[in-house]
C-alpha cells in the first residue's frame, strides 16, 4: 500500500512538473499601472583598457482602454526619461528606438491572451519618432562634423527612417516589457529561439507557481554562428547608412577578423518576471553580458510596479 501511494505521489509530482502554463492577461477595462525602470549599461574594451557607462531611468504608464472577448486595447506611454553618462554607450545597445518613444503614447491592439497584434496609431507614432530621431541626428553631426566625410548625413537619415516600421515598434514594446510573455505556453525546461534585432539567442525557461503569482526565469544563451555574426554586422552597417564600399571592406577583412578570434558573439544572461494571476507584472528584470569584436557589454535592467489602480 505504501509503495502504491509513493508511486501515485511520484506520478503526480512528475505531472505537475511537466504541466504547461498558458501565460495570458486577465485585464479589466480601466486598469492602470505605472512602472519605474532603471538600467545600468557598461561597455568595455579590455584589450584597449577603457570603459564607458550610462544609467537610465524612466516611467511607463499602461492603461487598458478596452477589454473584450477578442482582446485588449492598451495605451502605453514612457515618460521622465533621464540619462547619466555617455550617450554613445546607449547607441551601442541598439535600443535607441525606445528612447525616441519617450512621451509618445502608443495604442496597441492585443489578442485575447494579451499578445500584441497591431499598433493602432502607427502613423502618429512614426511621425513623432521620426522628428525626435532627426533632431538627435542633427545634434550628433553638429557635435562631430567629421562624420559627414565617412557617413553622409542624408544617408543616415534615409536609413533611420526606413527602420521606423510598425513591426519595429511592436518588437520594441514587447522586448522592453512583460508583454513578450503573453500567448506563450511554458513549463520548466522549455527552450525558445529568439531573435532580437539580429542577435540570436536560446532561452531556457523555469516556471514556478505561487498561490497568486507566477515566477518565470529565462536563462539566455547566445546562438550565433560566425556567418550570423558577419550578417549581423553588415546589416547594422547598412542600417547606419554605410555604402557597398564599406561592406566590401568588411568582407575583405573578415578572414583576418576570424584569425584574431573576433568573429564570435557570446551572449549570457538571465531574465526574471513575476506576474500576478491578472497578468500584471510586479517586477521584471534582465541581466545580460555580451562579448563581441573584442568588446564586452553588460546590461542590467530592473522594472518595478510603483502605482496601480486595483486593490
C-alpha atoms as a PDB file:
ATOM      1  CA  UNK A   1       0.000   0.000   0.000  1.00  0.00           C
ATOM      2  CA  UNK A   2       2.821   2.402   0.907  1.00  0.00           C
ATOM      3  CA  UNK A   3       4.558   1.570  -2.345  1.00  0.00           C
ATOM      4  CA  UNK A   4       1.372   2.334  -4.289  1.00  0.00           C
ATOM      5  CA  UNK A   5       0.903   5.661  -2.508  1.00  0.00           C
ATOM      6  CA  UNK A   6       4.527   6.576  -3.181  1.00  0.00           C
ATOM      7  CA  UNK A   7       4.146   5.687  -6.863  1.00  0.00           C
ATOM      8  CA  UNK A   8       0.987   7.793  -7.143  1.00  0.00           C
ATOM      9  CA  UNK A   9       2.632  10.727  -5.365  1.00  0.00           C
ATOM     10  CA  UNK A  10       5.657  10.492  -7.639  1.00  0.00           C
ATOM     11  CA  UNK A  11       3.453  10.342 -10.731  1.00  0.00           C
ATOM     12  CA  UNK A  12       1.501  13.413  -9.579  1.00  0.00           C
ATOM     13  CA  UNK A  13       4.737  15.299  -8.917  1.00  0.00           C
ATOM     14  CA  UNK A  14       6.086  14.482 -12.392  1.00  0.00           C
ATOM     15  CA  UNK A  15       2.775  15.527 -13.953  1.00  0.00           C
ATOM     16  CA  UNK A  16       2.885  18.848 -12.076  1.00  0.00           C
ATOM     17  CA  UNK A  17       6.449  19.500 -13.217  1.00  0.00           C
ATOM     18  CA  UNK A  18       5.533  18.797 -16.835  1.00  0.00           C
ATOM     19  CA  UNK A  19       2.286  20.791 -16.764  1.00  0.00           C
ATOM     20  CA  UNK A  20       2.337  23.663 -19.218  1.00  0.00           C
ATOM     21  CA  UNK A  21       1.029  27.080 -18.295  1.00  0.00           C
ATOM     22  CA  UNK A  22      -0.549  29.490 -20.746  1.00  0.00           C
ATOM     23  CA  UNK A  23       0.754  32.983 -19.994  1.00  0.00           C
ATOM     24  CA  UNK A  24      -2.149  35.360 -20.534  1.00  0.00           C
ATOM     25  CA  UNK A  25      -3.569  38.703 -19.486  1.00  0.00           C
ATOM     26  CA  UNK A  26      -6.733  38.964 -17.426  1.00  0.00           C
ATOM     27  CA  UNK A  27      -7.056  42.726 -17.501  1.00  0.00           C
ATOM     28  CA  UNK A  28     -10.135  44.822 -16.790  1.00  0.00           C
ATOM     29  CA  UNK A  29     -11.163  47.906 -18.753  1.00  0.00           C
ATOM     30  CA  UNK A  30      -9.844  50.950 -16.910  1.00  0.00           C
ATOM     31  CA  UNK A  31      -6.913  49.151 -15.262  1.00  0.00           C
ATOM     32  CA  UNK A  32      -3.852  51.360 -14.900  1.00  0.00           C
ATOM     33  CA  UNK A  33      -0.312  50.566 -13.832  1.00  0.00           C
ATOM     34  CA  UNK A  34       2.859  52.640 -13.668  1.00  0.00           C
ATOM     35  CA  UNK A  35       6.293  51.046 -13.789  1.00  0.00           C
ATOM     36  CA  UNK A  36       9.672  52.537 -12.967  1.00  0.00           C
ATOM     37  CA  UNK A  37      12.709  51.225 -14.844  1.00  0.00           C
ATOM     38  CA  UNK A  38      16.388  51.594 -14.007  1.00  0.00           C
ATOM     39  CA  UNK A  39      19.076  50.318 -16.372  1.00  0.00           C
ATOM     40  CA  UNK A  40      22.850  50.256 -15.991  1.00  0.00           C
ATOM     41  CA  UNK A  41      24.857  49.771 -19.182  1.00  0.00           C
ATOM     42  CA  UNK A  42      28.618  49.319 -19.305  1.00  0.00           C
ATOM     43  CA  UNK A  43      30.716  48.974 -22.447  1.00  0.00           C
ATOM     44  CA  UNK A  44      34.359  47.992 -22.098  1.00  0.00           C
ATOM     45  CA  UNK A  45      37.250  47.094 -24.362  1.00  0.00           C
ATOM     46  CA  UNK A  46      39.632  45.069 -22.155  1.00  0.00           C
ATOM     47  CA  UNK A  47      42.393  44.996 -24.802  1.00  0.00           C
ATOM     48  CA  UNK A  48      42.307  48.796 -25.060  1.00  0.00           C
ATOM     49  CA  UNK A  49      41.960  49.204 -21.303  1.00  0.00           C
ATOM     50  CA  UNK A  50      38.992  51.572 -21.354  1.00  0.00           C
ATOM     51  CA  UNK A  51      35.312  51.506 -20.482  1.00  0.00           C
ATOM     52  CA  UNK A  52      32.229  53.745 -20.636  1.00  0.00           C
ATOM     53  CA  UNK A  53      28.880  53.524 -18.905  1.00  0.00           C
ATOM     54  CA  UNK A  54      25.426  55.067 -18.742  1.00  0.00           C
ATOM     55  CA  UNK A  55      22.493  54.844 -16.351  1.00  0.00           C
ATOM     56  CA  UNK A  56      18.920  55.407 -17.488  1.00  0.00           C
ATOM     57  CA  UNK A  57      15.690  55.968 -15.546  1.00  0.00           C
ATOM     58  CA  UNK A  58      12.154  56.113 -16.905  1.00  0.00           C
ATOM     59  CA  UNK A  59       8.499  55.586 -16.046  1.00  0.00           C
ATOM     60  CA  UNK A  60       5.923  53.795 -18.180  1.00  0.00           C
ATOM     61  CA  UNK A  61       2.178  54.121 -17.668  1.00  0.00           C
ATOM     62  CA  UNK A  62      -0.009  51.337 -19.051  1.00  0.00           C
ATOM     63  CA  UNK A  63      -3.782  51.843 -19.368  1.00  0.00           C
ATOM     64  CA  UNK A  64      -6.375  49.308 -20.506  1.00  0.00           C
ATOM     65  CA  UNK A  65      -8.588  51.365 -22.829  1.00  0.00           C
ATOM     66  CA  UNK A  66     -10.845  48.467 -23.797  1.00  0.00           C
ATOM     67  CA  UNK A  67     -11.301  44.811 -22.868  1.00  0.00           C
ATOM     68  CA  UNK A  68     -13.414  42.383 -24.911  1.00  0.00           C
ATOM     69  CA  UNK A  69     -13.528  38.648 -25.550  1.00  0.00           C
ATOM     70  CA  UNK A  70     -11.281  39.238 -28.579  1.00  0.00           C
ATOM     71  CA  UNK A  71      -8.550  41.076 -26.706  1.00  0.00           C
ATOM     72  CA  UNK A  72      -7.455  44.419 -25.333  1.00  0.00           C
ATOM     73  CA  UNK A  73      -6.653  47.941 -26.440  1.00  0.00           C
ATOM     74  CA  UNK A  74      -3.661  49.148 -24.432  1.00  0.00           C
ATOM     75  CA  UNK A  75      -2.184  52.631 -24.186  1.00  0.00           C
ATOM     76  CA  UNK A  76       1.469  52.711 -23.186  1.00  0.00           C
ATOM     77  CA  UNK A  77       3.407  55.930 -22.543  1.00  0.00           C
ATOM     78  CA  UNK A  78       7.011  56.239 -21.339  1.00  0.00           C
ATOM     79  CA  UNK A  79       7.959  59.488 -19.609  1.00  0.00           C
ATOM     80  CA  UNK A  80      10.596  61.052 -17.357  1.00  0.00           C
ATOM     81  CA  UNK A  81      13.486  59.516 -19.286  1.00  0.00           C
ATOM     82  CA  UNK A  82      16.766  60.508 -17.654  1.00  0.00           C
ATOM     83  CA  UNK A  83      20.287  59.541 -18.676  1.00  0.00           C
ATOM     84  CA  UNK A  84      23.565  59.885 -16.818  1.00  0.00           C
ATOM     85  CA  UNK A  85      26.786  59.054 -18.601  1.00  0.00           C
ATOM     86  CA  UNK A  86      27.999  58.569 -22.164  1.00  0.00           C
ATOM     87  CA  UNK A  87      25.064  58.626 -24.599  1.00  0.00           C
ATOM     88  CA  UNK A  88      27.168  56.819 -27.224  1.00  0.00           C
ATOM     89  CA  UNK A  89      27.095  53.746 -24.973  1.00  0.00           C
ATOM     90  CA  UNK A  90      23.302  53.718 -25.217  1.00  0.00           C
ATOM     91  CA  UNK A  91      23.591  53.900 -29.002  1.00  0.00           C
ATOM     92  CA  UNK A  92      25.718  50.746 -28.972  1.00  0.00           C
ATOM     93  CA  UNK A  93      22.879  48.767 -27.369  1.00  0.00           C
ATOM     94  CA  UNK A  94      20.757  49.184 -30.500  1.00  0.00           C
ATOM     95  CA  UNK A  95      17.865  50.299 -28.289  1.00  0.00           C
ATOM     96  CA  UNK A  96      17.669  53.925 -29.405  1.00  0.00           C
ATOM     97  CA  UNK A  97      14.120  53.393 -30.683  1.00  0.00           C
ATOM     98  CA  UNK A  98      12.972  53.036 -27.099  1.00  0.00           C
ATOM     99  CA  UNK A  99      14.466  56.450 -26.311  1.00  0.00           C
ATOM    100  CA  UNK A 100      12.696  58.086 -29.260  1.00  0.00           C
ATOM    101  CA  UNK A 101       9.366  56.749 -27.945  1.00  0.00           C
ATOM    102  CA  UNK A 102       9.648  58.939 -24.847  1.00  0.00           C
ATOM    103  CA  UNK A 103       6.434  60.938 -24.277  1.00  0.00           C
ATOM    104  CA  UNK A 104       4.790  59.309 -27.316  1.00  0.00           C
ATOM    105  CA  UNK A 105       1.537  57.459 -26.438  1.00  0.00           C
ATOM    106  CA  UNK A 106       1.355  54.063 -28.142  1.00  0.00           C
ATOM    107  CA  UNK A 107      -2.033  52.456 -28.763  1.00  0.00           C
ATOM    108  CA  UNK A 108      -1.764  48.680 -29.013  1.00  0.00           C
ATOM    109  CA  UNK A 109      -4.263  46.005 -30.021  1.00  0.00           C
ATOM    110  CA  UNK A 110      -3.766  42.552 -28.495  1.00  0.00           C
ATOM    111  CA  UNK A 111      -5.428  39.172 -28.848  1.00  0.00           C
ATOM    112  CA  UNK A 112      -7.370  37.502 -26.013  1.00  0.00           C
ATOM    113  CA  UNK A 113      -4.125  36.348 -24.377  1.00  0.00           C
ATOM    114  CA  UNK A 114      -2.591  39.821 -24.392  1.00  0.00           C
ATOM    115  CA  UNK A 115      -0.130  39.243 -27.234  1.00  0.00           C
ATOM    116  CA  UNK A 116       0.392  42.434 -29.239  1.00  0.00           C
ATOM    117  CA  UNK A 117      -1.021  42.141 -32.761  1.00  0.00           C
ATOM    118  CA  UNK A 118      -1.229  45.706 -34.019  1.00  0.00           C
ATOM    119  CA  UNK A 119      -0.156  49.311 -33.441  1.00  0.00           C
ATOM    120  CA  UNK A 120      -3.346  51.303 -33.933  1.00  0.00           C
ATOM    121  CA  UNK A 121      -1.804  54.799 -34.094  1.00  0.00           C
ATOM    122  CA  UNK A 122       1.242  53.848 -36.162  1.00  0.00           C
ATOM    123  CA  UNK A 123       1.196  56.930 -38.423  1.00  0.00           C
ATOM    124  CA  UNK A 124       1.131  59.296 -35.439  1.00  0.00           C
ATOM    125  CA  UNK A 125       3.880  57.382 -33.624  1.00  0.00           C
ATOM    126  CA  UNK A 126       6.057  57.131 -36.743  1.00  0.00           C
ATOM    127  CA  UNK A 127       5.771  60.890 -37.403  1.00  0.00           C
ATOM    128  CA  UNK A 128       6.672  61.889 -33.838  1.00  0.00           C
ATOM    129  CA  UNK A 129       9.521  59.392 -33.501  1.00  0.00           C
ATOM    130  CA  UNK A 130      10.961  60.432 -36.873  1.00  0.00           C
ATOM    131  CA  UNK A 131      11.020  64.042 -35.685  1.00  0.00           C
ATOM    132  CA  UNK A 132      12.848  63.095 -32.463  1.00  0.00           C
ATOM    133  CA  UNK A 133      15.280  60.859 -34.348  1.00  0.00           C
ATOM    134  CA  UNK A 134      16.131  63.579 -36.859  1.00  0.00           C
ATOM    135  CA  UNK A 135      16.722  66.091 -34.050  1.00  0.00           C
ATOM    136  CA  UNK A 136      19.076  63.630 -32.348  1.00  0.00           C
ATOM    137  CA  UNK A 137      20.923  63.008 -35.614  1.00  0.00           C
ATOM    138  CA  UNK A 138      21.317  66.770 -36.190  1.00  0.00           C
ATOM    139  CA  UNK A 139      22.868  67.168 -32.732  1.00  0.00           C
ATOM    140  CA  UNK A 140      25.176  64.207 -33.389  1.00  0.00           C
ATOM    141  CA  UNK A 141      26.539  65.647 -36.648  1.00  0.00           C
ATOM    142  CA  UNK A 142      26.825  69.102 -35.097  1.00  0.00           C
ATOM    143  CA  UNK A 143      28.965  67.681 -32.290  1.00  0.00           C
ATOM    144  CA  UNK A 144      31.037  65.556 -34.694  1.00  0.00           C
ATOM    145  CA  UNK A 145      31.083  67.246 -38.127  1.00  0.00           C
ATOM    146  CA  UNK A 146      33.851  64.899 -39.284  1.00  0.00           C
ATOM    147  CA  UNK A 147      31.227  62.135 -39.530  1.00  0.00           C
ATOM    148  CA  UNK A 148      29.938  63.728 -42.742  1.00  0.00           C
ATOM    149  CA  UNK A 149      33.038  62.526 -44.630  1.00  0.00           C
ATOM    150  CA  UNK A 150      32.682  58.846 -43.757  1.00  0.00           C
ATOM    151  CA  UNK A 151      28.894  58.695 -43.416  1.00  0.00           C
ATOM    152  CA  UNK A 152      26.930  61.474 -45.132  1.00  0.00           C
ATOM    153  CA  UNK A 153      24.065  62.780 -43.055  1.00  0.00           C
ATOM    154  CA  UNK A 154      21.452  62.210 -45.751  1.00  0.00           C
ATOM    155  CA  UNK A 155      22.341  58.500 -45.936  1.00  0.00           C
ATOM    156  CA  UNK A 156      21.889  58.071 -42.201  1.00  0.00           C
ATOM    157  CA  UNK A 157      18.572  59.960 -42.368  1.00  0.00           C
ATOM    158  CA  UNK A 158      17.251  57.688 -45.119  1.00  0.00           C
ATOM    159  CA  UNK A 159      18.415  54.607 -43.259  1.00  0.00           C
ATOM    160  CA  UNK A 160      16.944  55.766 -39.959  1.00  0.00           C
ATOM    161  CA  UNK A 161      13.519  56.433 -41.450  1.00  0.00           C
ATOM    162  CA  UNK A 162      13.481  53.001 -43.099  1.00  0.00           C
ATOM    163  CA  UNK A 163      13.781  51.414 -39.637  1.00  0.00           C
ATOM    164  CA  UNK A 164      10.647  53.063 -38.248  1.00  0.00           C
ATOM    165  CA  UNK A 165       8.292  50.255 -39.265  1.00  0.00           C
ATOM    166  CA  UNK A 166       5.205  49.079 -37.420  1.00  0.00           C
ATOM    167  CA  UNK A 167       6.933  45.748 -36.774  1.00  0.00           C
ATOM    168  CA  UNK A 168       9.961  47.506 -35.232  1.00  0.00           C
ATOM    169  CA  UNK A 169       7.763  49.476 -32.822  1.00  0.00           C
ATOM    170  CA  UNK A 170       5.851  46.358 -31.760  1.00  0.00           C
ATOM    171  CA  UNK A 171       9.115  44.455 -31.236  1.00  0.00           C
ATOM    172  CA  UNK A 172      10.477  47.319 -29.125  1.00  0.00           C
ATOM    173  CA  UNK A 173       7.363  47.305 -26.936  1.00  0.00           C
ATOM    174  CA  UNK A 174       7.454  43.544 -26.436  1.00  0.00           C
ATOM    175  CA  UNK A 175      11.166  43.216 -25.716  1.00  0.00           C
ATOM    176  CA  UNK A 176      11.067  46.086 -23.230  1.00  0.00           C
ATOM    177  CA  UNK A 177       8.041  44.868 -21.272  1.00  0.00           C
ATOM    178  CA  UNK A 178       6.416  41.757 -19.849  1.00  0.00           C
ATOM    179  CA  UNK A 179       4.051  41.640 -22.845  1.00  0.00           C
ATOM    180  CA  UNK A 180       6.598  39.456 -24.631  1.00  0.00           C
ATOM    181  CA  UNK A 181       5.442  36.518 -22.478  1.00  0.00           C
ATOM    182  CA  UNK A 182       1.744  36.712 -23.315  1.00  0.00           C
ATOM    183  CA  UNK A 183       0.480  33.908 -25.530  1.00  0.00           C
ATOM    184  CA  UNK A 184       3.334  31.537 -24.684  1.00  0.00           C
ATOM    185  CA  UNK A 185       2.592  28.113 -23.211  1.00  0.00           C
ATOM    186  CA  UNK A 186       5.519  27.232 -20.939  1.00  0.00           C
ATOM    187  CA  UNK A 187       6.803  24.703 -18.475  1.00  0.00           C
ATOM    188  CA  UNK A 188      10.154  24.339 -16.733  1.00  0.00           C
ATOM    189  CA  UNK A 189      12.787  23.142 -19.191  1.00  0.00           C
ATOM    190  CA  UNK A 190      11.140  24.565 -22.314  1.00  0.00           C
ATOM    191  CA  UNK A 191      13.514  26.224 -24.783  1.00  0.00           C
ATOM    192  CA  UNK A 192      12.755  29.003 -27.249  1.00  0.00           C
ATOM    193  CA  UNK A 193      14.880  30.501 -30.008  1.00  0.00           C
ATOM    194  CA  UNK A 194      14.744  34.302 -30.021  1.00  0.00           C
ATOM    195  CA  UNK A 195      15.960  36.912 -32.496  1.00  0.00           C
ATOM    196  CA  UNK A 196      16.212  40.472 -31.207  1.00  0.00           C
ATOM    197  CA  UNK A 197      17.495  42.919 -33.799  1.00  0.00           C
ATOM    198  CA  UNK A 198      19.560  40.198 -35.457  1.00  0.00           C
ATOM    199  CA  UNK A 199      21.041  38.754 -32.257  1.00  0.00           C
ATOM    200  CA  UNK A 200      20.032  35.114 -31.961  1.00  0.00           C
ATOM    201  CA  UNK A 201      19.681  33.517 -28.534  1.00  0.00           C
ATOM    202  CA  UNK A 202      18.121  30.449 -26.949  1.00  0.00           C
ATOM    203  CA  UNK A 203      16.084  30.952 -23.767  1.00  0.00           C
ATOM    204  CA  UNK A 204      15.550  28.075 -21.323  1.00  0.00           C
ATOM    205  CA  UNK A 205      12.592  28.670 -19.006  1.00  0.00           C
ATOM    206  CA  UNK A 206      11.931  27.879 -15.371  1.00  0.00           C
ATOM    207  CA  UNK A 207       8.294  28.337 -14.323  1.00  0.00           C
ATOM    208  CA  UNK A 208       7.366  28.464 -10.627  1.00  0.00           C
ATOM    209  CA  UNK A 209       3.778  28.843  -9.459  1.00  0.00           C
ATOM    210  CA  UNK A 210       2.768  30.660  -6.289  1.00  0.00           C
ATOM    211  CA  UNK A 211      -0.794  30.974  -4.888  1.00  0.00           C
ATOM    212  CA  UNK A 212      -1.385  34.358  -6.545  1.00  0.00           C
ATOM    213  CA  UNK A 213       1.540  34.762  -8.906  1.00  0.00           C
ATOM    214  CA  UNK A 214       3.812  33.146 -11.452  1.00  0.00           C
ATOM    215  CA  UNK A 215       7.607  33.459 -11.471  1.00  0.00           C
ATOM    216  CA  UNK A 216       9.218  32.992 -14.877  1.00  0.00           C
ATOM    217  CA  UNK A 217      13.000  32.804 -15.162  1.00  0.00           C
ATOM    218  CA  UNK A 218      14.772  32.698 -18.505  1.00  0.00           C
ATOM    219  CA  UNK A 219      18.368  31.566 -18.936  1.00  0.00           C
ATOM    220  CA  UNK A 220      19.689  33.316 -22.047  1.00  0.00           C
ATOM    221  CA  UNK A 221      22.484  31.858 -24.188  1.00  0.00           C
ATOM    222  CA  UNK A 222      23.855  33.139 -27.476  1.00  0.00           C
ATOM    223  CA  UNK A 223      23.133  31.085 -30.583  1.00  0.00           C
ATOM    224  CA  UNK A 224      25.197  32.864 -33.250  1.00  0.00           C
ATOM    225  CA  UNK A 225      27.450  31.211 -35.834  1.00  0.00           C
ATOM    226  CA  UNK A 226      30.324  33.201 -37.341  1.00  0.00           C
ATOM    227  CA  UNK A 227      28.235  33.629 -40.508  1.00  0.00           C
ATOM    228  CA  UNK A 228      25.402  35.008 -38.336  1.00  0.00           C
ATOM    229  CA  UNK A 229      27.808  37.478 -36.726  1.00  0.00           C
ATOM    230  CA  UNK A 230      29.059  38.644 -40.123  1.00  0.00           C
ATOM    231  CA  UNK A 231      25.497  39.088 -41.406  1.00  0.00           C
ATOM    232  CA  UNK A 232      24.629  40.973 -38.197  1.00  0.00           C
ATOM    233  CA  UNK A 233      27.433  43.499 -38.639  1.00  0.00           C
ATOM    234  CA  UNK A 234      26.715  44.016 -42.339  1.00  0.00           C
ATOM    235  CA  UNK A 235      23.050  44.607 -41.553  1.00  0.00           C
ATOM    236  CA  UNK A 236      23.920  47.130 -38.820  1.00  0.00           C
ATOM    237  CA  UNK A 237      26.358  48.909 -41.137  1.00  0.00           C
ATOM    238  CA  UNK A 238      23.645  49.272 -43.767  1.00  0.00           C
ATOM    239  CA  UNK A 239      21.168  50.476 -41.157  1.00  0.00           C
ATOM    240  CA  UNK A 240      23.625  53.231 -40.282  1.00  0.00           C
ATOM    241  CA  UNK A 241      23.824  54.261 -43.936  1.00  0.00           C
ATOM    242  CA  UNK A 242      27.054  52.501 -44.921  1.00  0.00           C
ATOM    243  CA  UNK A 243      27.595  52.070 -48.678  1.00  0.00           C
ATOM    244  CA  UNK A 244      28.738  48.979 -50.579  1.00  0.00           C
ATOM    245  CA  UNK A 245      32.379  50.068 -50.401  1.00  0.00           C
ATOM    246  CA  UNK A 246      32.276  49.902 -46.586  1.00  0.00           C
ATOM    247  CA  UNK A 247      30.564  46.499 -46.703  1.00  0.00           C
ATOM    248  CA  UNK A 248      33.164  45.232 -49.190  1.00  0.00           C
ATOM    249  CA  UNK A 249      35.922  46.354 -46.834  1.00  0.00           C
ATOM    250  CA  UNK A 250      34.403  44.284 -44.022  1.00  0.00           C
ATOM    251  CA  UNK A 251      34.138  41.274 -46.335  1.00  0.00           C
ATOM    252  CA  UNK A 252      37.768  41.683 -47.381  1.00  0.00           C
ATOM    253  CA  UNK A 253      38.963  41.825 -43.768  1.00  0.00           C
ATOM    254  CA  UNK A 254      36.663  39.100 -42.411  1.00  0.00           C
ATOM    255  CA  UNK A 255      39.282  36.353 -42.719  1.00  0.00           C
ATOM    256  CA  UNK A 256      41.679  38.353 -40.574  1.00  0.00           C
ATOM    257  CA  UNK A 257      38.930  39.046 -38.053  1.00  0.00           C
ATOM    258  CA  UNK A 258      38.304  35.290 -37.811  1.00  0.00           C
ATOM    259  CA  UNK A 259      42.014  34.565 -37.270  1.00  0.00           C
ATOM    260  CA  UNK A 260      42.036  37.071 -34.412  1.00  0.00           C
ATOM    261  CA  UNK A 261      39.137  35.192 -32.798  1.00  0.00           C
ATOM    262  CA  UNK A 262      36.883  38.237 -33.052  1.00  0.00           C
ATOM    263  CA  UNK A 263      34.208  36.779 -35.339  1.00  0.00           C
ATOM    264  CA  UNK A 264      32.231  35.344 -32.469  1.00  0.00           C
ATOM    265  CA  UNK A 265      29.429  36.771 -30.356  1.00  0.00           C
ATOM    266  CA  UNK A 266      28.804  35.337 -26.894  1.00  0.00           C
ATOM    267  CA  UNK A 267      25.609  36.175 -25.009  1.00  0.00           C
ATOM    268  CA  UNK A 268      24.922  35.015 -21.460  1.00  0.00           C
ATOM    269  CA  UNK A 269      22.191  36.282 -19.170  1.00  0.00           C
ATOM    270  CA  UNK A 270      19.074  35.854 -17.085  1.00  0.00           C
ATOM    271  CA  UNK A 271      15.602  37.355 -17.197  1.00  0.00           C
ATOM    272  CA  UNK A 272      13.062  37.269 -14.364  1.00  0.00           C
ATOM    273  CA  UNK A 273       9.375  38.176 -14.424  1.00  0.00           C
ATOM    274  CA  UNK A 274       6.825  37.953 -11.632  1.00  0.00           C
ATOM    275  CA  UNK A 275       3.245  38.004 -12.898  1.00  0.00           C
ATOM    276  CA  UNK A 276       0.091  38.238 -10.814  1.00  0.00           C
ATOM    277  CA  UNK A 277      -2.843  35.998 -11.766  1.00  0.00           C
ATOM    278  CA  UNK A 278      -4.326  39.044 -13.510  1.00  0.00           C
ATOM    279  CA  UNK A 279      -1.348  39.140 -15.866  1.00  0.00           C
ATOM    280  CA  UNK A 280       0.089  42.347 -14.408  1.00  0.00           C
ATOM    281  CA  UNK A 281       3.787  42.181 -13.567  1.00  0.00           C
ATOM    282  CA  UNK A 282       5.008  43.323 -10.170  1.00  0.00           C
ATOM    283  CA  UNK A 283       8.642  43.189 -11.272  1.00  0.00           C
ATOM    284  CA  UNK A 284      10.735  42.139 -14.252  1.00  0.00           C
ATOM    285  CA  UNK A 285      14.447  42.320 -14.868  1.00  0.00           C
ATOM    286  CA  UNK A 286      17.268  41.302 -17.187  1.00  0.00           C
ATOM    287  CA  UNK A 287      20.975  40.844 -16.610  1.00  0.00           C
ATOM    288  CA  UNK A 288      22.893  40.178 -19.825  1.00  0.00           C
ATOM    289  CA  UNK A 289      26.568  40.073 -20.812  1.00  0.00           C
ATOM    290  CA  UNK A 290      27.544  40.235 -24.495  1.00  0.00           C
ATOM    291  CA  UNK A 291      31.065  39.757 -25.877  1.00  0.00           C
ATOM    292  CA  UNK A 292      31.845  40.679 -29.493  1.00  0.00           C
ATOM    293  CA  UNK A 293      34.681  42.108 -31.580  1.00  0.00           C
ATOM    294  CA  UNK A 294      36.938  42.448 -28.532  1.00  0.00           C
ATOM    295  CA  UNK A 295      34.312  44.380 -26.562  1.00  0.00           C
ATOM    296  CA  UNK A 296      32.151  43.461 -23.593  1.00  0.00           C
ATOM    297  CA  UNK A 297      28.724  44.901 -22.862  1.00  0.00           C
ATOM    298  CA  UNK A 298      26.912  44.493 -19.551  1.00  0.00           C
ATOM    299  CA  UNK A 299      23.231  45.453 -19.309  1.00  0.00           C
ATOM    300  CA  UNK A 300      21.308  45.234 -16.044  1.00  0.00           C
ATOM    301  CA  UNK A 301      17.703  46.413 -16.071  1.00  0.00           C
ATOM    302  CA  UNK A 302      15.122  46.315 -13.268  1.00  0.00           C
ATOM    303  CA  UNK A 303      11.490  47.400 -13.641  1.00  0.00           C
ATOM    304  CA  UNK A 304       9.083  47.588 -10.706  1.00  0.00           C
ATOM    305  CA  UNK A 305       5.388  48.334 -10.307  1.00  0.00           C
ATOM    306  CA  UNK A 306       5.098  51.643  -8.430  1.00  0.00           C
ATOM    307  CA  UNK A 307       1.426  52.611  -8.901  1.00  0.00           C
ATOM    308  CA  UNK A 308      -1.739  50.634  -9.678  1.00  0.00           C
ATOM    309  CA  UNK A 309      -5.474  51.257  -9.921  1.00  0.00           C
ATOM    310  CA  UNK A 310      -6.631  47.959  -8.415  1.00  0.00           C
ATOM    311  CA  UNK A 311      -6.564  46.881  -4.760  1.00  0.00           C
END
